[in-house]
PDB file of N, CA and C in Angstrom:
ATOM      1  N   MET A   1      53.808  57.222 -31.258  1.00  0.00           N
ATOM      2  CA  MET A   1      52.977  58.354 -31.593  1.00  0.00           C
ATOM      3  C   MET A   1      51.552  58.142 -30.974  1.00  0.00           C
ATOM      4  N   TYR A   2      50.946  59.219 -30.555  1.00  0.00           N
ATOM      5  CA  TYR A   2      49.628  59.119 -29.907  1.00  0.00           C
ATOM      6  C   TYR A   2      48.547  59.739 -30.753  1.00  0.00           C
ATOM      7  N   ALA A   3      47.526  58.977 -31.006  1.00  0.00           N
ATOM      8  CA  ALA A   3      46.279  59.462 -31.701  1.00  0.00           C
ATOM      9  C   ALA A   3      46.562  60.152 -33.037  1.00  0.00           C
ATOM     10  N   GLY A   4      47.602  59.741 -33.714  1.00  0.00           N
ATOM     11  CA  GLY A   4      47.870  60.348 -35.048  1.00  0.00           C
ATOM     12  C   GLY A   4      48.301  61.841 -34.890  1.00  0.00           C
ATOM     13  N   ASN A   5      48.798  62.278 -33.760  1.00  0.00           N
ATOM     14  CA  ASN A   5      49.173  63.631 -33.548  1.00  0.00           C
ATOM     15  C   ASN A   5      50.641  63.849 -33.978  1.00  0.00           C
ATOM     16  N   TYR A   6      50.781  64.312 -35.233  1.00  0.00           N
ATOM     17  CA  TYR A   6      52.099  64.619 -35.729  1.00  0.00           C
ATOM     18  C   TYR A   6      52.024  65.697 -36.796  1.00  0.00           C
ATOM     19  N   ALA A   7      53.157  66.314 -37.074  1.00  0.00           N
ATOM     20  CA  ALA A   7      53.227  67.351 -38.138  1.00  0.00           C
ATOM     21  C   ALA A   7      54.575  67.162 -38.785  1.00  0.00           C
ATOM     22  N   VAL A   8      54.568  66.984 -40.095  1.00  0.00           N
ATOM     23  CA  VAL A   8      55.797  66.882 -40.860  1.00  0.00           C
ATOM     24  C   VAL A   8      56.262  68.279 -41.305  1.00  0.00           C
ATOM     25  N   VAL A   9      57.508  68.573 -41.044  1.00  0.00           N
ATOM     26  CA  VAL A   9      58.096  69.868 -41.429  1.00  0.00           C
ATOM     27  C   VAL A   9      59.394  69.572 -42.270  1.00  0.00           C
ATOM     28  N   ASN A  10      60.005  70.628 -42.782  1.00  0.00           N
ATOM     29  CA  ASN A  10      61.167  70.416 -43.614  1.00  0.00           C
ATOM     30  C   ASN A  10      62.257  69.608 -42.947  1.00  0.00           C
ATOM     31  N   GLY A  11      62.550  69.850 -41.670  1.00  0.00           N
ATOM     32  CA  GLY A  11      63.646  69.168 -40.987  1.00  0.00           C
ATOM     33  C   GLY A  11      63.306  67.927 -40.270  1.00  0.00           C
ATOM     34  N   GLY A  12      62.011  67.516 -40.249  1.00  0.00           N
ATOM     35  CA  GLY A  12      61.675  66.336 -39.483  1.00  0.00           C
ATOM     36  C   GLY A  12      60.217  66.252 -39.195  1.00  0.00           C
ATOM     37  N   ILE A  13      59.892  65.624 -38.025  1.00  0.00           N
ATOM     38  CA  ILE A  13      58.533  65.396 -37.591  1.00  0.00           C
ATOM     39  C   ILE A  13      58.341  65.803 -36.115  1.00  0.00           C
ATOM     40  N   TYR A  14      57.355  66.642 -35.837  1.00  0.00           N
ATOM     41  CA  TYR A  14      56.910  66.896 -34.481  1.00  0.00           C
ATOM     42  C   TYR A  14      55.794  65.912 -34.172  1.00  0.00           C
ATOM     43  N   PHE A  15      55.783  65.366 -32.959  1.00  0.00           N
ATOM     44  CA  PHE A  15      54.755  64.429 -32.622  1.00  0.00           C
ATOM     45  C   PHE A  15      54.523  64.360 -31.125  1.00  0.00           C
ATOM     46  N   ILE A  16      53.333  63.854 -30.748  1.00  0.00           N
ATOM     47  CA  ILE A  16      53.040  63.594 -29.318  1.00  0.00           C
ATOM     48  C   ILE A  16      53.161  62.083 -29.078  1.00  0.00           C
ATOM     49  N   ALA A  17      53.846  61.728 -27.998  1.00  0.00           N
ATOM     50  CA  ALA A  17      53.982  60.368 -27.592  1.00  0.00           C
ATOM     51  C   ALA A  17      53.787  60.222 -26.104  1.00  0.00           C
ATOM     52  N   GLN A  18      53.503  59.021 -25.640  1.00  0.00           N
ATOM     53  CA  GLN A  18      53.390  58.813 -24.230  1.00  0.00           C
ATOM     54  C   GLN A  18      54.742  58.411 -23.702  1.00  0.00           C
ATOM     55  N   THR A  19      55.102  58.903 -22.522  1.00  0.00           N
ATOM     56  CA  THR A  19      56.417  58.606 -21.911  1.00  0.00           C
ATOM     57  C   THR A  19      56.232  57.343 -21.079  1.00  0.00           C
ATOM     58  N   ARG A  20      57.351  56.854 -20.556  1.00  0.00           N
ATOM     59  CA  ARG A  20      57.282  55.627 -19.738  1.00  0.00           C
ATOM     60  C   ARG A  20      56.425  55.818 -18.483  1.00  0.00           C
ATOM     61  N   GLU A  21      56.340  57.034 -18.049  1.00  0.00           N
ATOM     62  CA  GLU A  21      55.512  57.370 -16.869  1.00  0.00           C
ATOM     63  C   GLU A  21      54.043  57.543 -17.232  1.00  0.00           C
ATOM     64  N   ALA A  22      53.648  57.232 -18.477  1.00  0.00           N
ATOM     65  CA  ALA A  22      52.300  57.317 -18.948  1.00  0.00           C
ATOM     66  C   ALA A  22      51.821  58.807 -19.040  1.00  0.00           C
ATOM     67  N   ARG A  23      52.776  59.684 -19.207  1.00  0.00           N
ATOM     68  CA  ARG A  23      52.441  61.091 -19.433  1.00  0.00           C
ATOM     69  C   ARG A  23      52.598  61.364 -20.892  1.00  0.00           C
ATOM     70  N   PHE A  24      52.108  62.483 -21.335  1.00  0.00           N
ATOM     71  CA  PHE A  24      52.224  62.819 -22.767  1.00  0.00           C
ATOM     72  C   PHE A  24      53.332  63.904 -22.944  1.00  0.00           C
ATOM     73  N   ALA A  25      54.002  63.838 -24.082  1.00  0.00           N
ATOM     74  CA  ALA A  25      55.089  64.783 -24.326  1.00  0.00           C
ATOM     75  C   ALA A  25      55.186  65.076 -25.784  1.00  0.00           C
ATOM     76  N   VAL A  26      55.688  66.250 -26.137  1.00  0.00           N
ATOM     77  CA  VAL A  26      55.935  66.666 -27.505  1.00  0.00           C
ATOM     78  C   VAL A  26      57.390  66.336 -27.823  1.00  0.00           C
ATOM     79  N   HIS A  27      57.598  65.671 -28.954  1.00  0.00           N
ATOM     80  CA  HIS A  27      58.930  65.235 -29.379  1.00  0.00           C
ATOM     81  C   HIS A  27      59.194  65.792 -30.788  1.00  0.00           C
ATOM     82  N   PHE A  28      60.493  65.820 -31.140  1.00  0.00           N
ATOM     83  CA  PHE A  28      60.886  66.178 -32.495  1.00  0.00           C
ATOM     84  C   PHE A  28      61.863  65.139 -33.005  1.00  0.00           C
ATOM     85  N   PHE A  29      61.526  64.571 -34.171  1.00  0.00           N
ATOM     86  CA  PHE A  29      62.445  63.613 -34.858  1.00  0.00           C
ATOM     87  C   PHE A  29      63.163  64.434 -35.891  1.00  0.00           C
ATOM     88  N   ASN A  30      64.505  64.519 -35.797  1.00  0.00           N
ATOM     89  CA  ASN A  30      65.274  65.230 -36.763  1.00  0.00           C
ATOM     90  C   ASN A  30      65.667  64.249 -37.857  1.00  0.00           C
ATOM     91  N   SER A  31      65.207  64.542 -39.111  1.00  0.00           N
ATOM     92  CA  SER A  31      65.443  63.590 -40.193  1.00  0.00           C
ATOM     93  C   SER A  31      66.882  63.556 -40.657  1.00  0.00           C
ATOM     94  N   SER A  32      67.648  64.625 -40.392  1.00  0.00           N
ATOM     95  CA  SER A  32      69.070  64.650 -40.762  1.00  0.00           C
ATOM     96  C   SER A  32      69.945  63.771 -39.838  1.00  0.00           C
ATOM     97  N   SER A  33      69.700  63.929 -38.554  1.00  0.00           N
ATOM     98  CA  SER A  33      70.501  63.211 -37.588  1.00  0.00           C
ATOM     99  C   SER A  33      69.964  61.817 -37.215  1.00  0.00           C
ATOM    100  N   GLY A  34      68.635  61.657 -37.455  1.00  0.00           N
ATOM    101  CA  GLY A  34      67.944  60.424 -37.093  1.00  0.00           C
ATOM    102  C   GLY A  34      67.691  60.305 -35.586  1.00  0.00           C
ATOM    103  N   LYS A  35      67.842  61.467 -34.869  1.00  0.00           N
ATOM    104  CA  LYS A  35      67.603  61.462 -33.464  1.00  0.00           C
ATOM    105  C   LYS A  35      66.341  62.121 -33.073  1.00  0.00           C
ATOM    106  N   THR A  36      65.747  61.665 -31.981  1.00  0.00           N
ATOM    107  CA  THR A  36      64.487  62.207 -31.426  1.00  0.00           C
ATOM    108  C   THR A  36      64.813  62.852 -30.088  1.00  0.00           C
ATOM    109  N   ARG A  37      64.215  64.033 -29.844  1.00  0.00           N
ATOM    110  CA  ARG A  37      64.350  64.651 -28.539  1.00  0.00           C
ATOM    111  C   ARG A  37      63.019  65.101 -28.051  1.00  0.00           C
ATOM    112  N   GLN A  38      62.879  65.039 -26.730  1.00  0.00           N
ATOM    113  CA  GLN A  38      61.621  65.509 -26.095  1.00  0.00           C
ATOM    114  C   GLN A  38      61.711  67.019 -25.937  1.00  0.00           C
ATOM    115  N   LEU A  39      60.657  67.743 -26.334  1.00  0.00           N
ATOM    116  CA  LEU A  39      60.632  69.208 -26.230  1.00  0.00           C
ATOM    117  C   LEU A  39      59.866  69.720 -25.032  1.00  0.00           C
ATOM    118  N   ALA A  40      58.797  68.995 -24.675  1.00  0.00           N
ATOM    119  CA  ALA A  40      57.938  69.506 -23.587  1.00  0.00           C
ATOM    120  C   ALA A  40      57.004  68.366 -23.097  1.00  0.00           C
ATOM    121  N   THR A  41      56.631  68.417 -21.825  1.00  0.00           N
ATOM    122  CA  THR A  41      55.631  67.479 -21.339  1.00  0.00           C
ATOM    123  C   THR A  41      54.274  68.200 -21.374  1.00  0.00           C
ATOM    124  N   ILE A  42      53.257  67.426 -21.513  1.00  0.00           N
ATOM    125  CA  ILE A  42      51.876  67.947 -21.544  1.00  0.00           C
ATOM    126  C   ILE A  42      51.217  67.553 -20.213  1.00  0.00           C
ATOM    127  N   PRO A  43      50.705  68.527 -19.476  1.00  0.00           N
ATOM    128  CA  PRO A  43      50.226  68.198 -18.103  1.00  0.00           C
ATOM    129  C   PRO A  43      48.964  67.379 -18.041  1.00  0.00           C
ATOM    130  N   LYS A  44      48.165  67.369 -19.095  1.00  0.00           N
ATOM    131  CA  LYS A  44      46.931  66.571 -19.074  1.00  0.00           C
ATOM    132  C   LYS A  44      46.922  65.627 -20.252  1.00  0.00           C
ATOM    133  N   THR A  45      45.841  64.834 -20.373  1.00  0.00           N
ATOM    134  CA  THR A  45      45.731  63.830 -21.499  1.00  0.00           C
ATOM    135  C   THR A  45      45.638  64.538 -22.808  1.00  0.00           C
ATOM    136  N   ALA A  46      46.446  64.153 -23.781  1.00  0.00           N
ATOM    137  CA  ALA A  46      46.326  64.648 -25.133  1.00  0.00           C
ATOM    138  C   ALA A  46      45.209  63.996 -25.869  1.00  0.00           C
ATOM    139  N   SER A  47      44.625  64.684 -26.840  1.00  0.00           N
ATOM    140  CA  SER A  47      43.518  64.109 -27.647  1.00  0.00           C
ATOM    141  C   SER A  47      43.852  64.346 -29.093  1.00  0.00           C
ATOM    142  N   TRP A  48      42.946  64.032 -30.025  1.00  0.00           N
ATOM    143  CA  TRP A  48      43.156  64.185 -31.411  1.00  0.00           C
ATOM    144  C   TRP A  48      43.284  65.675 -31.772  1.00  0.00           C
ATOM    145  N   GLY A  49      44.300  65.952 -32.574  1.00  0.00           N
ATOM    146  CA  GLY A  49      44.491  67.310 -33.066  1.00  0.00           C
ATOM    147  C   GLY A  49      45.867  67.868 -32.714  1.00  0.00           C
ATOM    148  N   PHE A  50      46.668  68.233 -33.746  1.00  0.00           N
ATOM    149  CA  PHE A  50      48.012  68.660 -33.546  1.00  0.00           C
ATOM    150  C   PHE A  50      48.425  69.475 -34.739  1.00  0.00           C
ATOM    151  N   SER A  51      49.108  70.605 -34.512  1.00  0.00           N
ATOM    152  CA  SER A  51      49.607  71.448 -35.597  1.00  0.00           C
ATOM    153  C   SER A  51      50.785  72.225 -35.172  1.00  0.00           C
ATOM    154  N   VAL A  52      51.667  72.573 -36.093  1.00  0.00           N
ATOM    155  CA  VAL A  52      52.880  73.359 -35.812  1.00  0.00           C
ATOM    156  C   VAL A  52      52.797  74.598 -36.648  1.00  0.00           C
ATOM    157  N   SER A  53      53.093  75.791 -36.060  1.00  0.00           N
ATOM    158  CA  SER A  53      53.069  77.016 -36.779  1.00  0.00           C
ATOM    159  C   SER A  53      54.120  77.014 -37.899  1.00  0.00           C
ATOM    160  N   PRO A  54      53.951  77.802 -38.963  1.00  0.00           N
ATOM    161  CA  PRO A  54      54.877  77.829 -40.084  1.00  0.00           C
ATOM    162  C   PRO A  54      56.315  78.188 -39.673  1.00  0.00           C
ATOM    163  N   ASP A  55      56.487  78.994 -38.642  1.00  0.00           N
ATOM    164  CA  ASP A  55      57.842  79.316 -38.163  1.00  0.00           C
ATOM    165  C   ASP A  55      58.389  78.355 -37.167  1.00  0.00           C
ATOM    166  N   GLU A  56      57.555  77.314 -36.800  1.00  0.00           N
ATOM    167  CA  GLU A  56      57.903  76.233 -35.867  1.00  0.00           C
ATOM    168  C   GLU A  56      58.235  76.734 -34.465  1.00  0.00           C
ATOM    169  N   HIS A  57      57.661  77.862 -34.098  1.00  0.00           N
ATOM    170  CA  HIS A  57      57.849  78.397 -32.715  1.00  0.00           C
ATOM    171  C   HIS A  57      56.706  78.046 -31.797  1.00  0.00           C
ATOM    172  N   ARG A  58      55.588  77.607 -32.365  1.00  0.00           N
ATOM    173  CA  ARG A  58      54.390  77.306 -31.560  1.00  0.00           C
ATOM    174  C   ARG A  58      53.798  75.986 -32.043  1.00  0.00           C
ATOM    175  N   ILE A  59      53.175  75.333 -31.095  1.00  0.00           N
ATOM    176  CA  ILE A  59      52.409  74.106 -31.504  1.00  0.00           C
ATOM    177  C   ILE A  59      50.975  74.322 -30.944  1.00  0.00           C
ATOM    178  N   LEU A  60      50.071  73.642 -31.575  1.00  0.00           N
ATOM    179  CA  LEU A  60      48.658  73.666 -31.094  1.00  0.00           C
ATOM    180  C   LEU A  60      48.228  72.198 -30.987  1.00  0.00           C
ATOM    181  N   TYR A  61      47.685  71.856 -29.833  1.00  0.00           N
ATOM    182  CA  TYR A  61      47.237  70.469 -29.585  1.00  0.00           C
ATOM    183  C   TYR A  61      45.976  70.566 -28.758  1.00  0.00           C
ATOM    184  N   THR A  62      45.250  69.447 -28.776  1.00  0.00           N
ATOM    185  CA  THR A  62      44.039  69.376 -27.963  1.00  0.00           C
ATOM    186  C   THR A  62      44.350  68.528 -26.694  1.00  0.00           C
ATOM    187  N   GLN A  63      43.655  68.899 -25.633  1.00  0.00           N
ATOM    188  CA  GLN A  63      43.871  68.166 -24.387  1.00  0.00           C
ATOM    189  C   GLN A  63      42.468  67.890 -23.758  1.00  0.00           C
ATOM    190  N   VAL A  64      42.397  66.861 -22.990  1.00  0.00           N
ATOM    191  CA  VAL A  64      41.145  66.550 -22.259  1.00  0.00           C
ATOM    192  C   VAL A  64      41.225  67.152 -20.873  1.00  0.00           C
ATOM    193  N   ASP A  65      40.351  68.085 -20.635  1.00  0.00           N
ATOM    194  CA  ASP A  65      40.280  68.678 -19.335  1.00  0.00           C
ATOM    195  C   ASP A  65      39.378  67.911 -18.358  1.00  0.00           C
ATOM    196  N   ARG A  66      38.377  67.309 -18.899  1.00  0.00           N
ATOM    197  CA  ARG A  66      37.476  66.518 -18.062  1.00  0.00           C
ATOM    198  C   ARG A  66      36.913  65.383 -18.898  1.00  0.00           C
ATOM    199  N   GLU A  67      36.834  64.230 -18.317  1.00  0.00           N
ATOM    200  CA  GLU A  67      36.256  63.040 -19.010  1.00  0.00           C
ATOM    201  C   GLU A  67      34.988  62.623 -18.331  1.00  0.00           C
ATOM    202  N   GLY A  68      34.084  62.043 -19.108  1.00  0.00           N
ATOM    203  CA  GLY A  68      32.861  61.565 -18.508  1.00  0.00           C
ATOM    204  C   GLY A  68      32.217  60.562 -19.453  1.00  0.00           C
ATOM    205  N   ALA A  69      31.083  60.074 -19.080  1.00  0.00           N
ATOM    206  CA  ALA A  69      30.386  59.090 -19.885  1.00  0.00           C
ATOM    207  C   ALA A  69      28.906  59.292 -19.744  1.00  0.00           C
ATOM    208  N   ASP A  70      28.187  59.043 -20.822  1.00  0.00           N
ATOM    209  CA  ASP A  70      26.709  59.013 -20.783  1.00  0.00           C
ATOM    210  C   ASP A  70      26.303  57.569 -20.906  1.00  0.00           C
ATOM    211  N   LEU A  71      25.439  57.184 -20.040  1.00  0.00           N
ATOM    212  CA  LEU A  71      24.903  55.789 -20.142  1.00  0.00           C
ATOM    213  C   LEU A  71      23.680  55.741 -20.962  1.00  0.00           C
ATOM    214  N   MET A  72      23.541  54.800 -21.761  1.00  0.00           N
ATOM    215  CA  MET A  72      22.379  54.618 -22.633  1.00  0.00           C
ATOM    216  C   MET A  72      21.929  53.153 -22.600  1.00  0.00           C
ATOM    217  N   ARG A  73      20.647  52.955 -22.502  1.00  0.00           N
ATOM    218  CA  ARG A  73      20.176  51.625 -22.508  1.00  0.00           C
ATOM    219  C   ARG A  73      19.296  51.406 -23.774  1.00  0.00           C
ATOM    220  N   VAL A  74      19.501  50.299 -24.394  1.00  0.00           N
ATOM    221  CA  VAL A  74      18.773  49.993 -25.632  1.00  0.00           C
ATOM    222  C   VAL A  74      17.816  48.871 -25.298  1.00  0.00           C
ATOM    223  N   GLU A  75      16.548  49.078 -25.609  1.00  0.00           N
ATOM    224  CA  GLU A  75      15.524  48.027 -25.356  1.00  0.00           C
ATOM    225  C   GLU A  75      15.090  47.481 -26.698  1.00  0.00           C
ATOM    226  N   ASN A  76      14.915  46.188 -26.767  1.00  0.00           N
ATOM    227  CA  ASN A  76      14.414  45.528 -27.949  1.00  0.00           C
ATOM    228  C   ASN A  76      12.896  45.319 -27.775  1.00  0.00           C
ATOM    229  N   PHE A  77      12.099  45.935 -28.588  1.00  0.00           N
ATOM    230  CA  PHE A  77      10.654  45.828 -28.460  1.00  0.00           C
ATOM    231  C   PHE A  77      10.038  44.904 -29.410  1.00  0.00           C
ATOM    232  N   ARG A  78      10.727  43.991 -29.973  1.00  0.00           N
ATOM    233  CA  ARG A  78      10.112  43.040 -30.946  1.00  0.00           C
ATOM    234  C   ARG A  78       9.488  41.888 -30.185  1.00  0.00           C
TER     235      ARG A  78
END
């Protein structure tokens, strides 16, 4: 599971995981059969946030479109 992105539903658990190719994908674990299947791949990096609609026809997740960093320098004036 990636970044705590999962949703528990009556029949199992939807979740985001990283594939062997280091891509992200949406999976469903069926609690009755004990089997997991991949439903879709995510084209970009997934981030925190995941939800499934009540009818289980749609999912909502966050993705990183652009990454960056701010540099900060801390000076000790003592």
